[in-house]
Amino acid sequence: MTDRDFIRQDNNYRTLKAFQKAECVYDVTYFFANKFLQKGDRTIDQMV
């Protein structure tokens, strides 16, 4: 991956590698928080 791949000027943030990785982290965190923590726990809101 070159710097040009990471910082592009095409105005489409969904194609950025950083956005795609952040979205994966969010999805895993959301799944974990809703599966393993009790409903109504403040930790769910803080994590997500």
PDB file of N, CA and C in Angstrom:
ATOM      1  N   MET A   1       0.850  -1.182   0.000  1.00  0.00           N
ATOM      2  CA  MET A   1       0.000   0.000   0.000  1.00  0.00           C
ATOM      3  C   MET A   1       0.890   1.237   0.000  1.00  0.00           C
ATOM      4  N   THR A   2       0.645   2.109  -0.903  1.00  0.00           N
ATOM      5  CA  THR A   2       1.412   3.341  -0.980  1.00  0.00           C
ATOM      6  C   THR A   2       0.623   4.467  -0.329  1.00  0.00           C
ATOM      7  N   ASP A   3       1.290   5.598  -0.139  1.00  0.00           N
ATOM      8  CA  ASP A   3       0.624   6.765   0.442  1.00  0.00           C
ATOM      9  C   ASP A   3      -0.519   7.243  -0.451  1.00  0.00           C
ATOM     10  N   ARG A   4      -0.387   7.053  -1.749  1.00  0.00           N
ATOM     11  CA  ARG A   4      -1.451   7.478  -2.666  1.00  0.00           C
ATOM     12  C   ARG A   4      -2.721   6.655  -2.452  1.00  0.00           C
ATOM     13  N   ASP A   5      -2.569   5.382  -2.078  1.00  0.00           N
ATOM     14  CA  ASP A   5      -3.740   4.539  -1.816  1.00  0.00           C
ATOM     15  C   ASP A   5      -4.445   4.968  -0.539  1.00  0.00           C
ATOM     16  N   PHE A   6      -3.683   5.441   0.428  1.00  0.00           N
ATOM     17  CA  PHE A   6      -4.244   5.803   1.726  1.00  0.00           C
ATOM     18  C   PHE A   6      -4.894   7.182   1.705  1.00  0.00           C
ATOM     19  N   ILE A   7      -4.262   8.142   1.045  1.00  0.00           N
ATOM     20  CA  ILE A   7      -4.781   9.514   0.999  1.00  0.00           C
ATOM     21  C   ILE A   7      -5.124   9.844  -0.447  1.00  0.00           C
ATOM     22  N   ARG A   8      -6.390   9.681  -0.777  1.00  0.00           N
ATOM     23  CA  ARG A   8      -6.860   9.980  -2.128  1.00  0.00           C
ATOM     24  C   ARG A   8      -7.791  11.182  -2.081  1.00  0.00           C
ATOM     25  N   GLN A   9      -8.022  11.755  -3.216  1.00  0.00           N
ATOM     26  CA  GLN A   9      -8.870  12.946  -3.313  1.00  0.00           C
ATOM     27  C   GLN A   9     -10.136  12.694  -4.111  1.00  0.00           C
ATOM     28  N   ASP A  10     -10.650  11.463  -4.078  1.00  0.00           N
ATOM     29  CA  ASP A  10     -11.829  11.164  -4.890  1.00  0.00           C
ATOM     30  C   ASP A  10     -13.152  11.440  -4.162  1.00  0.00           C
ATOM     31  N   ASN A  11     -13.092  11.938  -2.935  1.00  0.00           N
ATOM     32  CA  ASN A  11     -14.270  12.328  -2.155  1.00  0.00           C
ATOM     33  C   ASN A  11     -15.215  11.178  -1.854  1.00  0.00           C
ATOM     34  N   ASN A  12     -14.744   9.952  -1.886  1.00  0.00           N
ATOM     35  CA  ASN A  12     -15.555   8.808  -1.528  1.00  0.00           C
ATOM     36  C   ASN A  12     -14.909   8.110  -0.335  1.00  0.00           C
ATOM     37  N   TYR A  13     -15.340   8.497   0.865  1.00  0.00           N
ATOM     38  CA  TYR A  13     -14.690   8.006   2.075  1.00  0.00           C
ATOM     39  C   TYR A  13     -14.884   6.511   2.281  1.00  0.00           C
ATOM     40  N   ARG A  14     -15.920   5.919   1.712  1.00  0.00           N
ATOM     41  CA  ARG A  14     -16.162   4.489   1.911  1.00  0.00           C
ATOM     42  C   ARG A  14     -15.109   3.603   1.247  1.00  0.00           C
ATOM     43  N   THR A  15     -14.377   4.117   0.310  1.00  0.00           N
ATOM     44  CA  THR A  15     -13.336   3.328  -0.349  1.00  0.00           C
ATOM     45  C   THR A  15     -11.979   3.460   0.341  1.00  0.00           C
ATOM     46  N   LEU A  16     -11.873   4.338   1.324  1.00  0.00           N
ATOM     47  CA  LEU A  16     -10.613   4.500   2.039  1.00  0.00           C
ATOM     48  C   LEU A  16     -10.335   3.283   2.915  1.00  0.00           C
ATOM     49  N   LYS A  17      -9.100   2.832   2.917  1.00  0.00           N
ATOM     50  CA  LYS A  17      -8.708   1.675   3.731  1.00  0.00           C
ATOM     51  C   LYS A  17      -8.941   1.957   5.216  1.00  0.00           C
ATOM     52  N   ALA A  18      -8.658   3.164   5.658  1.00  0.00           N
ATOM     53  CA  ALA A  18      -8.847   3.515   7.067  1.00  0.00           C
ATOM     54  C   ALA A  18     -10.320   3.409   7.465  1.00  0.00           C
ATOM     55  N   PHE A  19     -11.219   3.854   6.600  1.00  0.00           N
ATOM     56  CA  PHE A  19     -12.647   3.761   6.888  1.00  0.00           C
ATOM     57  C   PHE A  19     -13.093   2.310   6.931  1.00  0.00           C
ATOM     58  N   GLN A  20     -12.617   1.504   5.982  1.00  0.00           N
ATOM     59  CA  GLN A  20     -13.010   0.101   5.927  1.00  0.00           C
ATOM     60  C   GLN A  20     -12.544  -0.648   7.179  1.00  0.00           C
ATOM     61  N   LYS A  21     -11.345  -0.360   7.645  1.00  0.00           N
ATOM     62  CA  LYS A  21     -10.835  -1.002   8.861  1.00  0.00           C
ATOM     63  C   LYS A  21     -11.609  -0.535  10.092  1.00  0.00           C
ATOM     64  N   ALA A  22     -11.908   0.755  10.156  1.00  0.00           N
ATOM     65  CA  ALA A  22     -12.679   1.275  11.282  1.00  0.00           C
ATOM     66  C   ALA A  22     -14.078   0.672  11.309  1.00  0.00           C
ATOM     67  N   GLU A  23     -14.671   0.460  10.146  1.00  0.00           N
ATOM     68  CA  GLU A  23     -15.997  -0.140  10.065  1.00  0.00           C
ATOM     69  C   GLU A  23     -15.969  -1.587  10.566  1.00  0.00           C
ATOM     70  N   CYS A  24     -14.906  -2.316  10.263  1.00  0.00           N
ATOM     71  CA  CYS A  24     -14.758  -3.691  10.765  1.00  0.00           C
ATOM     72  C   CYS A  24     -14.645  -3.703  12.284  1.00  0.00           C
ATOM     73  N   VAL A  25     -13.854  -2.793  12.835  1.00  0.00           N
ATOM     74  CA  VAL A  25     -13.700  -2.705  14.289  1.00  0.00           C
ATOM     75  C   VAL A  25     -15.041  -2.370  14.936  1.00  0.00           C
ATOM     76  N   TYR A  26     -15.787  -1.442  14.345  1.00  0.00           N
ATOM     77  CA  TYR A  26     -17.105  -1.080  14.868  1.00  0.00           C
ATOM     78  C   TYR A  26     -18.050  -2.277  14.862  1.00  0.00           C
ATOM     79  N   ASP A  27     -18.074  -3.016  13.744  1.00  0.00           N
ATOM     80  CA  ASP A  27     -18.974  -4.166  13.624  1.00  0.00           C
ATOM     81  C   ASP A  27     -18.672  -5.221  14.682  1.00  0.00           C
ATOM     82  N   VAL A  28     -17.391  -5.524  14.898  1.00  0.00           N
ATOM     83  CA  VAL A  28     -17.010  -6.518  15.903  1.00  0.00           C
ATOM     84  C   VAL A  28     -17.359  -6.029  17.302  1.00  0.00           C
ATOM     85  N   THR A  29     -17.110  -4.761  17.577  1.00  0.00           N
ATOM     86  CA  THR A  29     -17.433  -4.200  18.891  1.00  0.00           C
ATOM     87  C   THR A  29     -18.932  -4.226  19.139  1.00  0.00           C
ATOM     88  N   TYR A  30     -19.721  -3.858  18.132  1.00  0.00           N
ATOM     89  CA  TYR A  30     -21.177  -3.866  18.262  1.00  0.00           C
ATOM     90  C   TYR A  30     -21.684  -5.280  18.552  1.00  0.00           C
ATOM     91  N   PHE A  31     -21.188  -6.256  17.797  1.00  0.00           N
ATOM     92  CA  PHE A  31     -21.595  -7.646  18.001  1.00  0.00           C
ATOM     93  C   PHE A  31     -21.225  -8.114  19.411  1.00  0.00           C
ATOM     94  N   PHE A  32     -19.995  -7.850  19.821  1.00  0.00           N
ATOM     95  CA  PHE A  32     -19.528  -8.272  21.136  1.00  0.00           C
ATOM     96  C   PHE A  32     -20.374  -7.641  22.244  1.00  0.00           C
ATOM     97  N   ALA A  33     -20.582  -6.334  22.171  1.00  0.00           N
ATOM     98  CA  ALA A  33     -21.315  -5.628  23.222  1.00  0.00           C
ATOM     99  C   ALA A  33     -22.743  -6.129  23.344  1.00  0.00           C
ATOM    100  N   ASN A  34     -23.395  -6.390  22.234  1.00  0.00           N
ATOM    101  CA  ASN A  34     -24.785  -6.839  22.289  1.00  0.00           C
ATOM    102  C   ASN A  34     -24.928  -8.317  22.614  1.00  0.00           C
ATOM    103  N   LYS A  35     -23.902  -9.103  22.357  1.00  0.00           N
ATOM    104  CA  LYS A  35     -23.968 -10.541  22.616  1.00  0.00           C
ATOM    105  C   LYS A  35     -23.571 -10.884  24.055  1.00  0.00           C
ATOM    106  N   PHE A  36     -22.523 -10.251  24.570  1.00  0.00           N
ATOM    107  CA  PHE A  36     -21.941 -10.681  25.834  1.00  0.00           C
ATOM    108  C   PHE A  36     -22.210  -9.754  27.016  1.00  0.00           C
ATOM    109  N   LEU A  37     -22.762  -8.594  26.791  1.00  0.00           N
ATOM    110  CA  LEU A  37     -23.077  -7.689  27.890  1.00  0.00           C
ATOM    111  C   LEU A  37     -24.588  -7.652  28.099  1.00  0.00           C
ATOM    112  N   GLN A  38     -24.991  -7.397  29.330  1.00  0.00           N
ATOM    113  CA  GLN A  38     -26.426  -7.389  29.645  1.00  0.00           C
ATOM    114  C   GLN A  38     -27.096  -6.152  29.069  1.00  0.00           C
ATOM    115  N   LYS A  39     -28.339  -6.336  28.652  1.00  0.00           N
ATOM    116  CA  LYS A  39     -29.114  -5.212  28.132  1.00  0.00           C
ATOM    117  C   LYS A  39     -29.249  -4.147  29.214  1.00  0.00           C
ATOM    118  N   GLY A  40     -29.165  -2.896  28.820  1.00  0.00           N
ATOM    119  CA  GLY A  40     -29.274  -1.795  29.760  1.00  0.00           C
ATOM    120  C   GLY A  40     -27.958  -1.419  30.410  1.00  0.00           C
ATOM    121  N   ASP A  41     -26.901  -2.138  30.110  1.00  0.00           N
ATOM    122  CA  ASP A  41     -25.582  -1.845  30.670  1.00  0.00           C
ATOM    123  C   ASP A  41     -25.011  -0.611  29.981  1.00  0.00           C
ATOM    124  N   ARG A  42     -24.532   0.339  30.760  1.00  0.00           N
ATOM    125  CA  ARG A  42     -23.956   1.558  30.182  1.00  0.00           C
ATOM    126  C   ARG A  42     -22.729   1.279  29.337  1.00  0.00           C
ATOM    127  N   THR A  43     -22.064   0.170  29.622  1.00  0.00           N
ATOM    128  CA  THR A  43     -20.848  -0.165  28.887  1.00  0.00           C
ATOM    129  C   THR A  43     -21.122  -0.350  27.406  1.00  0.00           C
ATOM    130  N   ILE A  44     -22.313  -0.845  27.053  1.00  0.00           N
ATOM    131  CA  ILE A  44     -22.667  -1.036  25.639  1.00  0.00           C
ATOM    132  C   ILE A  44     -22.622   0.314  24.921  1.00  0.00           C
ATOM    133  N   ASP A  45     -23.267   1.326  25.494  1.00  0.00           N
ATOM    134  CA  ASP A  45     -23.285   2.644  24.877  1.00  0.00           C
ATOM    135  C   ASP A  45     -21.880   3.225  24.775  1.00  0.00           C
ATOM    136  N   GLN A  46     -21.074   3.017  25.810  1.00  0.00           N
ATOM    137  CA  GLN A  46     -19.726   3.566  25.810  1.00  0.00           C
ATOM    138  C   GLN A  46     -18.845   2.888  24.779  1.00  0.00           C
ATOM    139  N   MET A  47     -19.000   1.597  24.606  1.00  0.00           N
ATOM    140  CA  MET A  47     -18.170   0.873  23.637  1.00  0.00           C
ATOM    141  C   MET A  47     -18.568   1.191  22.204  1.00  0.00           C
ATOM    142  N   VAL A  48     -19.863   1.219  21.964  1.00  0.00           N
ATOM    143  CA  VAL A  48     -20.341   1.457  20.602  1.00  0.00           C
ATOM    144  C   VAL A  48     -20.294   2.932  20.308  1.00  0.00           C
TER     145      VAL A  48
END
